[in-house]
Protein backbone atom coordinates (compact mmCIF):
# COMPACT_ATOMS: atom_id res chain seq x y z
CA UNK A 1 -0.04 -0.06 -0.14
CA UNK A 2 2.83 2.27 0.87
CA UNK A 3 4.47 1.43 -2.37
CA UNK A 4 1.32 2.39 -4.04
CA UNK A 5 0.49 5.95 -2.23
CA UNK A 6 4.22 6.63 -3.14
CA UNK A 7 3.97 6.17 -6.61
CA UNK A 8 0.54 7.94 -6.87
CA UNK A 9 2.63 10.69 -5.31
CA UNK A 10 4.92 10.56 -7.96
CA UNK A 11 2.28 10.95 -10.77
CA UNK A 12 0.52 13.57 -8.98
CA UNK A 13 3.77 15.40 -9.02
CA UNK A 14 4.81 15.09 -12.78
CA UNK A 15 4.38 17.43 -14.90
CA UNK A 16 1.11 17.14 -17.29
CA UNK A 17 1.81 17.61 -21.33
CA UNK A 18 -0.81 17.98 -23.82
CA UNK A 19 -1.19 16.75 -26.75
CA UNK A 20 0.40 18.67 -29.46
CA UNK A 21 -1.75 20.73 -31.23
CA UNK A 22 -0.20 19.76 -34.91
CA UNK A 23 3.48 17.66 -35.30
CA UNK A 24 4.91 17.13 -38.08
CA UNK A 25 8.36 16.70 -40.28
CA UNK A 26 9.58 19.28 -42.59
CA UNK A 27 12.53 19.14 -45.50
CA UNK A 28 14.16 21.78 -44.63
CA UNK A 29 17.59 22.98 -45.59
CA UNK A 30 20.06 20.42 -44.64
CA UNK A 31 17.62 17.47 -43.46
CA UNK A 32 14.77 16.60 -41.93
CA UNK A 33 12.99 18.69 -39.20
CA UNK A 34 10.53 17.34 -36.83
CA UNK A 35 8.22 20.40 -35.49
CA UNK A 36 5.75 20.39 -32.86
CA UNK A 37 3.07 23.26 -32.18
CA UNK A 38 2.13 22.97 -28.63
CA UNK A 39 0.07 25.06 -25.98
CA UNK A 40 2.70 23.91 -23.25
CA UNK A 41 5.42 26.77 -22.40
CA UNK A 42 7.98 24.37 -22.62
CA UNK A 43 9.13 21.62 -25.47
CA UNK A 44 8.41 17.90 -25.16
CA UNK A 45 11.40 15.22 -26.01
CA UNK A 46 11.44 13.83 -29.27
CA UNK A 47 11.71 9.95 -29.20
CA UNK A 48 13.60 8.63 -32.20
CA UNK A 49 15.10 5.20 -32.67
CA UNK A 50 14.44 4.47 -28.52
CA UNK A 51 16.55 7.33 -27.87
CA UNK A 52 15.11 10.58 -25.88
CA UNK A 53 16.06 14.04 -28.40
CA UNK A 54 15.88 17.27 -26.87
CA UNK A 55 13.66 19.97 -28.87
CA UNK A 56 14.55 23.65 -29.16
CA UNK A 57 12.52 26.38 -29.28
CA UNK A 58 12.01 27.98 -32.42
CA UNK A 59 8.97 30.54 -31.40
CA UNK A 60 7.70 31.32 -27.93
CA UNK A 61 3.71 31.96 -27.64
CA UNK A 62 3.32 35.77 -28.95
CA UNK A 63 0.76 37.90 -29.97
CA UNK A 64 2.32 40.31 -32.73
CA UNK A 65 0.94 43.19 -34.72
CA UNK A 66 -0.71 42.05 -37.63
CA UNK A 67 0.68 43.78 -41.06
CA UNK A 68 -2.54 44.91 -42.81
CA UNK A 69 -2.43 44.79 -46.42
CA UNK A 70 -2.88 47.64 -48.64
CA UNK A 71 -6.40 46.42 -50.03
CA UNK A 72 -7.99 45.90 -46.38
CA UNK A 73 -6.14 48.29 -43.75
CA UNK A 74 -9.35 48.34 -41.77
CA UNK A 75 -9.19 44.95 -40.90
CA UNK A 76 -5.91 45.06 -39.39
CA UNK A 77 -5.64 43.29 -36.23
CA UNK A 78 -2.92 41.35 -34.11
CA UNK A 79 -1.73 37.94 -34.72
CA UNK A 80 -2.22 35.34 -31.79
CA UNK A 81 0.06 32.49 -31.73
CA UNK A 82 -0.75 31.34 -28.14
CA UNK A 83 1.43 28.03 -29.22
CA UNK A 84 5.15 27.39 -28.76
CA UNK A 85 6.69 26.09 -31.93
CA UNK A 86 9.39 23.71 -30.98
CA UNK A 87 12.01 21.69 -33.34
CA UNK A 88 14.59 19.03 -33.52
CA UNK A 89 16.56 17.73 -36.26
CA UNK A 90 15.72 14.36 -37.23
CA UNK A 91 18.84 11.94 -37.42
CA UNK A 92 19.75 10.77 -40.99
CA UNK A 93 18.54 7.10 -41.53
CA UNK A 94 15.71 7.54 -38.39
CA UNK A 95 13.62 4.84 -38.69
CA UNK A 96 11.02 5.73 -35.74
CA UNK A 97 9.82 8.97 -34.91
CA UNK A 98 7.34 10.22 -31.88
CA UNK A 99 6.62 12.89 -29.89
CA UNK A 100 4.17 12.83 -26.50
CA UNK A 101 2.99 9.57 -28.21
CA UNK A 102 2.26 10.77 -31.59
CA UNK A 103 4.02 9.14 -34.91
CA UNK A 104 5.91 11.20 -37.12
CA UNK A 105 6.67 10.45 -40.33
CA UNK A 106 10.58 9.59 -41.15
CA UNK A 107 11.93 10.35 -44.71
CA UNK A 108 12.95 8.15 -47.36
CA UNK A 109 16.23 8.14 -49.09
CA UNK A 110 14.86 6.67 -52.02
CA UNK A 111 12.01 8.96 -52.58
CA UNK A 112 9.51 7.32 -55.34
CA UNK A 113 5.77 8.61 -54.76
CA UNK A 114 5.48 12.50 -54.05
CA UNK A 115 1.85 14.04 -53.45
CA UNK A 116 1.62 17.74 -54.91
CA UNK A 117 -0.52 20.35 -53.90
CA UNK A 118 -1.09 23.76 -53.65
CA UNK A 119 -3.25 26.95 -52.82
CA UNK A 120 -4.88 25.36 -49.98
CA UNK A 121 -6.94 27.52 -47.49
CA UNK A 122 -10.36 28.38 -48.09
CA UNK A 123 -10.39 32.44 -49.44
CA UNK A 124 -12.31 35.14 -47.52
CA UNK A 125 -11.15 38.60 -48.86
CA UNK A 126 -13.37 41.55 -48.75
CA UNK A 127 -11.52 43.48 -52.03
CA UNK A 128 -12.72 41.21 -53.96
CA UNK A 129 -16.02 40.38 -52.40
CA UNK A 130 -14.50 36.19 -52.32
CA UNK A 131 -16.42 34.50 -49.25
CA UNK A 132 -15.71 31.10 -50.13
CA UNK A 133 -17.87 28.70 -47.96
CA UNK A 134 -15.41 27.22 -45.63
CA UNK A 135 -17.44 24.91 -43.69
CA UNK A 136 -19.04 23.10 -46.78
CA UNK A 137 -16.73 20.20 -47.52
CA UNK A 138 -17.77 19.66 -51.09
CA UNK A 139 -17.20 23.78 -51.79
CA UNK A 140 -14.02 23.88 -49.51
CA UNK A 141 -12.72 20.15 -49.92
CA UNK A 142 -9.21 20.22 -48.45
CA UNK A 143 -9.32 18.14 -45.58
CA UNK A 144 -11.25 15.49 -48.11
CA UNK A 145 -8.33 15.96 -50.46
CA UNK A 146 -5.52 15.71 -47.61
CA UNK A 147 -7.16 12.43 -46.81
CA UNK A 148 -7.25 10.90 -50.08
CA UNK A 149 -3.74 11.73 -50.79
CA UNK A 150 -2.92 10.40 -47.72
CA UNK A 151 -4.43 6.93 -48.61
CA UNK A 152 -1.84 7.35 -52.01
CA UNK A 153 0.62 6.74 -49.10
CA UNK A 154 3.42 8.73 -50.28
CA UNK A 155 6.85 9.50 -49.25
CA UNK A 156 7.09 13.17 -49.73
CA UNK A 157 4.59 16.15 -49.54
CA UNK A 158 5.28 19.10 -51.91
CA UNK A 159 3.21 22.17 -51.09
CA UNK A 160 3.63 24.89 -53.62
CA UNK A 161 2.65 27.58 -51.51
CA UNK A 162 -0.50 29.74 -50.37
CA UNK A 163 -1.59 27.81 -47.25
CA UNK A 164 -3.57 30.85 -45.75
CA UNK A 165 -6.63 32.56 -47.13
CA UNK A 166 -8.95 33.68 -44.44
CA UNK A 167 -7.79 37.53 -44.41
CA UNK A 168 -11.23 39.22 -43.55
CA UNK A 169 -14.13 38.40 -41.23
CA UNK A 170 -17.20 36.42 -42.64
CA UNK A 171 -19.62 38.38 -43.41
CA UNK A 172 -23.29 38.15 -41.50
CA UNK A 173 -24.58 37.43 -44.91
CA UNK A 174 -22.86 34.71 -45.83
CA UNK A 175 -23.72 31.90 -43.90
CA UNK A 176 -21.13 29.56 -45.42
CA UNK A 177 -18.49 30.65 -43.76
CA UNK A 178 -19.95 31.46 -40.38
CA UNK A 179 -17.52 31.38 -37.41
CA UNK A 180 -14.48 31.06 -39.38
CA UNK A 181 -11.16 32.64 -37.49
CA UNK A 182 -9.60 35.46 -39.80
CA UNK A 183 -6.17 36.93 -39.72
CA UNK A 184 -3.02 35.91 -39.61
CA UNK A 185 -2.69 34.00 -35.77
CA UNK A 186 -2.60 30.60 -35.18
CA UNK A 187 -6.30 29.67 -35.08
CA UNK A 188 -6.36 31.09 -38.98
CA UNK A 189 -3.36 28.69 -39.59
CA UNK A 190 -5.38 25.71 -38.02
CA UNK A 191 -8.02 25.82 -39.64
CA UNK A 192 -6.85 26.55 -43.22
CA UNK A 193 -3.58 24.15 -42.75
CA UNK A 194 -3.09 22.15 -39.81
CA UNK A 195 -6.43 21.18 -39.15
CA UNK A 196 -7.55 20.05 -42.48
CA UNK A 197 -4.00 18.50 -43.53
CA UNK A 198 -3.69 16.29 -40.71
CA UNK A 199 -4.05 12.71 -42.11
CA UNK A 200 -1.10 14.06 -45.30
CA UNK A 201 0.94 15.22 -42.66
CA UNK A 202 0.89 12.30 -40.51
CA UNK A 203 1.59 10.14 -43.59
CA UNK A 204 4.81 11.68 -45.21
CA UNK A 205 7.36 14.57 -44.29
CA UNK A 206 6.20 17.96 -46.42
CA UNK A 207 8.85 20.06 -48.75
CA UNK A 208 6.88 23.46 -48.46
CA UNK A 209 7.12 26.77 -51.11
CA UNK A 210 6.52 29.72 -49.52
CA UNK A 211 3.26 31.28 -52.12
CA UNK A 212 3.03 34.96 -52.27
CA UNK A 213 0.05 35.11 -49.32
CA UNK A 214 2.97 34.46 -46.87
CA UNK A 215 4.98 37.17 -47.73
CA UNK A 216 5.81 39.69 -44.56
CA UNK A 217 2.46 42.12 -45.66
CA UNK A 218 0.53 38.89 -45.31
CA UNK A 219 0.72 35.71 -43.32
CA UNK A 220 4.79 35.45 -43.37
CA UNK A 221 4.55 35.68 -39.34
CA UNK A 222 3.15 32.09 -39.37
CA UNK A 223 5.50 30.96 -42.39
CA UNK A 224 8.51 31.99 -40.41
CA UNK A 225 7.06 29.67 -37.34
CA UNK A 226 5.60 27.30 -38.63
CA UNK A 227 6.78 25.85 -42.38
CA UNK A 228 9.87 27.72 -43.36
CA UNK A 229 13.00 25.08 -43.40
CA UNK A 230 15.70 27.08 -42.66
CA UNK A 231 16.90 28.08 -39.19
CA UNK A 232 15.64 30.89 -37.32
CA UNK A 233 17.58 34.13 -37.67
CA UNK A 234 16.91 37.64 -35.97
CA UNK A 235 14.93 39.53 -38.03
CA UNK A 236 13.50 37.27 -39.76
CA UNK A 237 10.19 36.53 -38.73
CA UNK A 238 7.74 39.46 -40.32
CA UNK A 239 7.44 40.83 -37.53
CA UNK A 240 9.37 44.79 -37.66
CA UNK A 241 8.22 46.24 -41.00
CA UNK A 242 11.84 47.31 -40.94
CA UNK A 243 13.11 43.92 -41.81
CA UNK A 244 10.54 43.03 -44.64
CA UNK A 245 13.38 42.49 -46.86
CA UNK A 246 15.22 39.94 -45.05
CA UNK A 247 12.02 38.19 -44.05
CA UNK A 248 10.63 38.43 -47.90
CA UNK A 249 13.24 36.41 -49.32
CA UNK A 250 15.37 33.08 -48.76
CA UNK A 251 18.33 31.39 -50.49
CA UNK A 252 17.54 27.78 -52.21
CA UNK A 253 17.70 24.85 -51.10
CA UNK A 254 18.17 21.19 -51.58
CA UNK A 255 15.68 18.07 -50.75
CA UNK A 256 17.28 15.06 -52.16
CA UNK A 257 14.73 12.25 -53.66
CA UNK A 258 17.80 9.21 -54.32
CA UNK A 259 19.34 8.06 -56.85
CA UNK A 260 20.63 11.33 -58.19
CA UNK A 261 17.45 13.34 -58.33
CA UNK A 262 16.35 16.39 -55.64
CA UNK A 263 14.00 19.22 -55.44
CA UNK A 264 15.43 22.55 -55.18
CA UNK A 265 13.12 24.81 -53.28
CA UNK A 266 12.97 28.79 -54.19
CA UNK A 267 11.79 31.41 -52.13
CA UNK A 268 10.72 33.86 -54.73
CA UNK A 269 7.04 34.87 -53.01
CA UNK A 270 7.73 38.37 -53.45
CA UNK A 271 7.53 38.62 -57.23
CA UNK A 272 4.64 40.36 -58.44
CA UNK A 273 3.12 41.06 -62.02
CA UNK A 274 5.55 43.18 -63.43
CA UNK A 275 9.09 43.22 -64.68
CA UNK A 276 11.61 44.62 -61.71
CA UNK A 277 13.27 48.21 -61.91
CA UNK A 278 17.08 48.20 -61.90
CA UNK A 279 16.77 49.26 -58.35
CA UNK A 280 14.51 47.11 -56.76
CA UNK A 281 15.83 44.97 -53.51
CA UNK A 282 14.34 41.91 -55.39
CA UNK A 283 16.35 41.77 -58.64
CA UNK A 284 20.05 41.05 -56.49
CA UNK A 285 17.79 38.49 -54.11
CA UNK A 286 16.18 36.74 -57.74
CA UNK A 287 19.82 36.76 -59.03
CA UNK A 288 21.12 35.27 -56.05
CA UNK A 289 18.39 32.47 -56.22
CA UNK A 290 19.69 31.84 -59.94
CA UNK A 291 22.75 31.43 -59.20
CA UNK A 292 22.55 28.83 -56.23
CA UNK A 293 19.61 27.23 -58.25
CA UNK A 294 22.38 26.36 -60.80
CA UNK A 295 24.92 25.66 -58.55
CA UNK A 296 22.82 22.88 -56.80
CA UNK A 297 21.45 21.83 -60.07
CA UNK A 298 24.97 20.86 -61.41
CA UNK A 299 25.37 18.96 -58.56
CA UNK A 300 22.20 16.62 -59.41
CA UNK A 301 21.49 13.94 -61.86
CA UNK A 302 17.62 15.41 -62.23
CA UNK A 303 16.07 18.37 -61.02
CA UNK A 304 12.68 19.60 -59.98
CA UNK A 305 12.77 23.17 -59.10
CA UNK A 306 9.34 24.60 -56.73
CA UNK A 307 8.86 27.51 -57.05
CA UNK A 308 4.84 29.50 -55.99
CA UNK A 309 4.92 31.46 -59.31
CA UNK A 310 4.81 29.75 -62.89
CA UNK A 311 7.59 31.14 -64.78
CA UNK A 312 6.46 28.93 -67.75
CA UNK A 313 2.42 28.61 -67.65
CA UNK A 314 -0.04 30.35 -68.88
CA UNK A 315 -3.18 31.92 -66.72
CA UNK A 316 -6.29 32.81 -68.46
CA UNK A 317 -8.26 36.38 -67.39
CA UNK A 318 -11.13 38.14 -68.73
CA UNK A 319 -11.50 41.82 -69.84
CA UNK A 320 -14.64 42.99 -70.95
CA UNK A 321 -16.03 39.62 -71.64
CA UNK A 322 -13.29 38.65 -73.97
CA UNK A 323 -10.69 35.69 -72.52
CA UNK A 324 -7.14 36.12 -72.65
CA UNK A 325 -3.99 34.56 -71.79
CA UNK A 326 -1.39 36.17 -69.21
CA UNK A 327 1.99 34.40 -69.75
CA UNK A 328 4.60 33.68 -67.28
CA UNK A 329 5.82 35.83 -64.24
CA UNK A 330 7.36 38.90 -65.54
CA UNK A 331 8.99 39.83 -62.03
CA UNK A 332 11.29 36.60 -62.03
CA UNK A 333 11.67 36.38 -65.63
CA UNK A 334 13.03 40.04 -66.21
CA UNK A 335 15.95 38.31 -63.97
CA UNK A 336 15.92 34.31 -64.96
CA UNK A 337 15.44 35.75 -68.38
CA UNK A 338 18.78 37.72 -68.52
CA UNK A 339 20.66 34.10 -68.86
CA UNK A 340 18.86 33.13 -72.03
CA UNK A 341 15.47 31.92 -72.87
CA UNK A 342 15.08 28.49 -71.00
CA UNK A 343 14.56 30.96 -68.00
CA UNK A 344 16.02 28.15 -65.70
CA UNK A 345 19.49 26.68 -65.48
CA UNK A 346 20.85 23.82 -66.90
CA UNK A 347 20.06 20.60 -65.15
CA UNK A 348 16.07 21.39 -64.66
CA UNK A 349 13.95 19.38 -66.05
CA UNK A 350 11.09 20.47 -64.22
CA UNK A 351 9.09 23.06 -62.48
CA UNK A 352 6.49 22.96 -59.94
CA UNK A 353 4.18 25.72 -59.23
CA UNK A 354 1.03 27.02 -58.22
CA UNK A 355 -0.39 30.53 -57.62
CA UNK A 356 -2.86 29.92 -60.80
CA UNK A 357 -6.28 28.11 -59.10
CA UNK A 358 -6.42 25.62 -61.90
CA UNK A 359 -3.97 22.28 -62.72
CA UNK A 360 -1.85 22.59 -66.01
CA UNK A 361 1.23 21.35 -67.86
CA UNK A 362 3.08 22.37 -70.45
CA UNK A 363 5.84 21.27 -72.40
CA UNK A 364 8.56 22.77 -74.84
CA UNK A 365 9.87 22.23 -78.08
CA UNK A 366 12.60 24.55 -77.27
CA UNK A 367 14.87 23.87 -74.42
CA UNK A 368 12.73 24.83 -71.63
CA UNK A 369 12.06 22.50 -68.50
CA UNK A 370 7.82 21.07 -68.38
CA UNK A 371 5.93 23.45 -66.30
CA UNK A 372 3.50 22.06 -63.79
CA UNK A 373 0.89 23.87 -62.10
CA UNK A 374 -1.06 22.75 -59.22
CA UNK A 375 -3.17 25.38 -57.26
CA UNK A 376 -6.34 23.31 -57.20
CA UNK A 377 -6.04 21.97 -53.88
CA UNK A 378 -8.72 24.11 -52.01
CA UNK A 379 -9.04 27.42 -52.69
CA UNK A 380 -11.92 29.27 -55.20
CA UNK A 381 -10.69 28.03 -58.77
CA UNK A 382 -10.00 30.19 -61.39
CA UNK A 383 -13.52 31.00 -62.99
CA UNK A 384 -11.94 31.76 -66.50
CA UNK A 385 -10.99 28.73 -68.45
CA UNK A 386 -7.64 28.05 -70.02
CA UNK A 387 -8.59 27.36 -74.04
CA UNK A 388 -8.77 23.63 -74.91
CA UNK A 389 -5.80 24.64 -77.63
CA UNK A 390 -3.36 27.14 -77.42
CA UNK A 391 -3.60 30.09 -80.30
CA UNK A 392 -0.77 30.38 -82.23
CA UNK A 393 2.43 31.93 -81.79
CA UNK A 394 1.51 31.96 -77.85
CA UNK A 395 4.72 31.85 -75.38
CA UNK A 396 4.62 32.05 -71.55
CA UNK A 397 8.08 33.50 -71.57
CA UNK A 398 10.32 35.04 -75.08
CA UNK A 399 11.65 32.35 -76.81
CA UNK A 400 9.75 29.26 -75.27
CA UNK A 401 7.36 27.36 -78.06
CA UNK A 402 4.92 25.11 -76.45
CA UNK A 403 4.75 21.56 -77.79
CA UNK A 404 2.14 19.96 -75.30
CA UNK A 405 -0.22 21.47 -72.94
CA UNK A 406 -3.56 20.60 -71.04
CA UNK A 407 -5.32 21.66 -68.34
CA UNK A 408 -8.26 20.92 -65.82
CA UNK A 409 -10.27 23.27 -64.18
CA UNK A 410 -13.56 21.18 -63.47
CA UNK A 411 -12.76 20.70 -59.77
CA UNK A 412 -10.50 20.67 -57.09
CA UNK A 413 -7.69 18.12 -56.57
CA UNK A 414 -4.07 16.92 -56.19
CA UNK A 415 -1.34 15.29 -58.43
CA UNK A 416 1.09 12.57 -57.51
CA UNK A 417 4.39 11.83 -59.20
CA UNK A 418 5.80 8.56 -59.11
CA UNK A 419 8.93 7.20 -60.40
CA UNK A 420 9.76 4.74 -63.23
CA UNK A 421 13.21 5.50 -64.04
CA UNK A 422 16.56 7.42 -63.94
CA UNK A 423 14.65 10.56 -66.03
CA UNK A 424 11.01 9.08 -65.99
CA UNK A 425 8.38 10.07 -63.91
CA UNK A 426 4.11 9.26 -63.96
CA UNK A 427 2.12 12.24 -63.11
CA UNK A 428 -1.70 11.61 -62.21
CA UNK A 429 -3.92 14.54 -61.50
CA UNK A 430 -6.61 13.52 -59.01
CA UNK A 431 -10.03 14.80 -58.30
CA UNK A 432 -10.98 15.68 -54.54
CA UNK A 433 -11.52 11.72 -53.68
CA UNK A 434 -8.97 10.56 -55.57
CA UNK A 435 -10.46 9.64 -59.03
CA UNK A 436 -7.85 10.29 -61.75
CA UNK A 437 -8.85 12.79 -64.65
CA UNK A 438 -5.39 12.97 -66.14
CA UNK A 439 -2.41 10.91 -66.88
CA UNK A 440 0.97 12.29 -67.88
CA UNK A 441 4.36 10.89 -68.56
CA UNK A 442 7.95 12.83 -67.72
CA UNK A 443 10.85 12.16 -69.71
CA UNK A 444 13.52 14.18 -68.90
CA UNK A 445 12.23 17.75 -69.23
CA UNK A 446 9.66 16.81 -71.56
CA UNK A 447 5.98 15.63 -70.96
CA UNK A 448 3.08 14.76 -72.30
CA UNK A 449 -0.66 13.90 -70.84
CA UNK A 450 -3.65 11.88 -72.12
CA UNK A 451 -5.83 15.09 -71.99
CA UNK A 452 -3.42 17.33 -73.78
CA UNK A 453 -3.68 19.66 -76.60
CA UNK A 454 -0.93 20.50 -79.21
CA UNK A 455 -0.92 24.16 -79.85
CA UNK A 456 -2.06 24.84 -83.15
CA UNK A 457 0.89 26.57 -84.47
CA UNK A 458 2.41 23.01 -84.86
CA UNK A 459 -0.61 20.64 -85.06
CA UNK A 460 -0.92 18.73 -87.73
């Protein structure tokens, strides 16, 4: 009895730790990083292959000033992060990892199955009068998409950016989003990403790209806390506007896929729709990105570049009721294009992007890598469809002649990549619940899809 009483006393005195709000693995600069978001003020212990590993605090709980966007300054409010963000590097070759009883996915040396998603948040934006019904799984299906993708048992998740879209409060008149959190704090990050993505984050590590929704004047504070794959550095948190140039750009880094293949993660989120002026701070930053990408690509046999803004894709816009095509990204092209019409360095075979709320594929008869766009995983889709066939002479960048083109704007979904050889991959486009709606083959830097369209300029 005395032993029982003593044991109960020890248990009563032991600190009680809450289950983490989120636990996941980020493929970062230099390897895999276990991350935990917890309501506790201290970091838990990570258990790796039977050994305890101390986690360090990346960010303490805090409430920080919200950076009001230019379009909606009247909606400014502080960004509350009542959570501690902890992290620890996973040793190379780790077999098992867990924290507070939650099993974490460990990276594989030979990555053969990749899920690609993008633009996943629920759009609440007053300036566009866009109020997506976040409470309706049919109209905001990201949780269903994540669960379906998890069942495919991927080795890796690639997110091409734009996680957080609930920027403004839901009006009383919009019943579909009643009660939704808004702003840029943890409650919105949890509603827009970590909650609906839970099944997928439990299935595989994530390689996250940064989107324009995660720049410093939007959700950049959460980006640095939760997803960026680089070590925290002073001034790189988007809390102080004086540090925005440091907070809005980062050096590329590589994520190895095995057998000489790799991803290179680019942070070009601060790009916009205009060519950069000679004195724009982004010009030297983007030039540094190009040079680093070139150096990293030279070390591998096969490279996927991952960048939120499509450099070599098309968007469809409507003016006065007439649909027109918008090519590429002028900001990035104004820097990358100075190295030649290829836009990307030698060795880059495929560019994975988002930003356009559709799925798209472009392959070229000239010397550009294939472009895939997967911005169709949750947020309101583009309402202007891409043409079934590209008009004659249209190019996404000067000197880039499309040879094959395919798109899908008929619903939400995700893309999977499966390695079939040293330079060959099978790309499948899935609807919300996994239904395959298009099949593509990637060979080197060229790609073709079952639903492909040959541009009229080269048809016949």
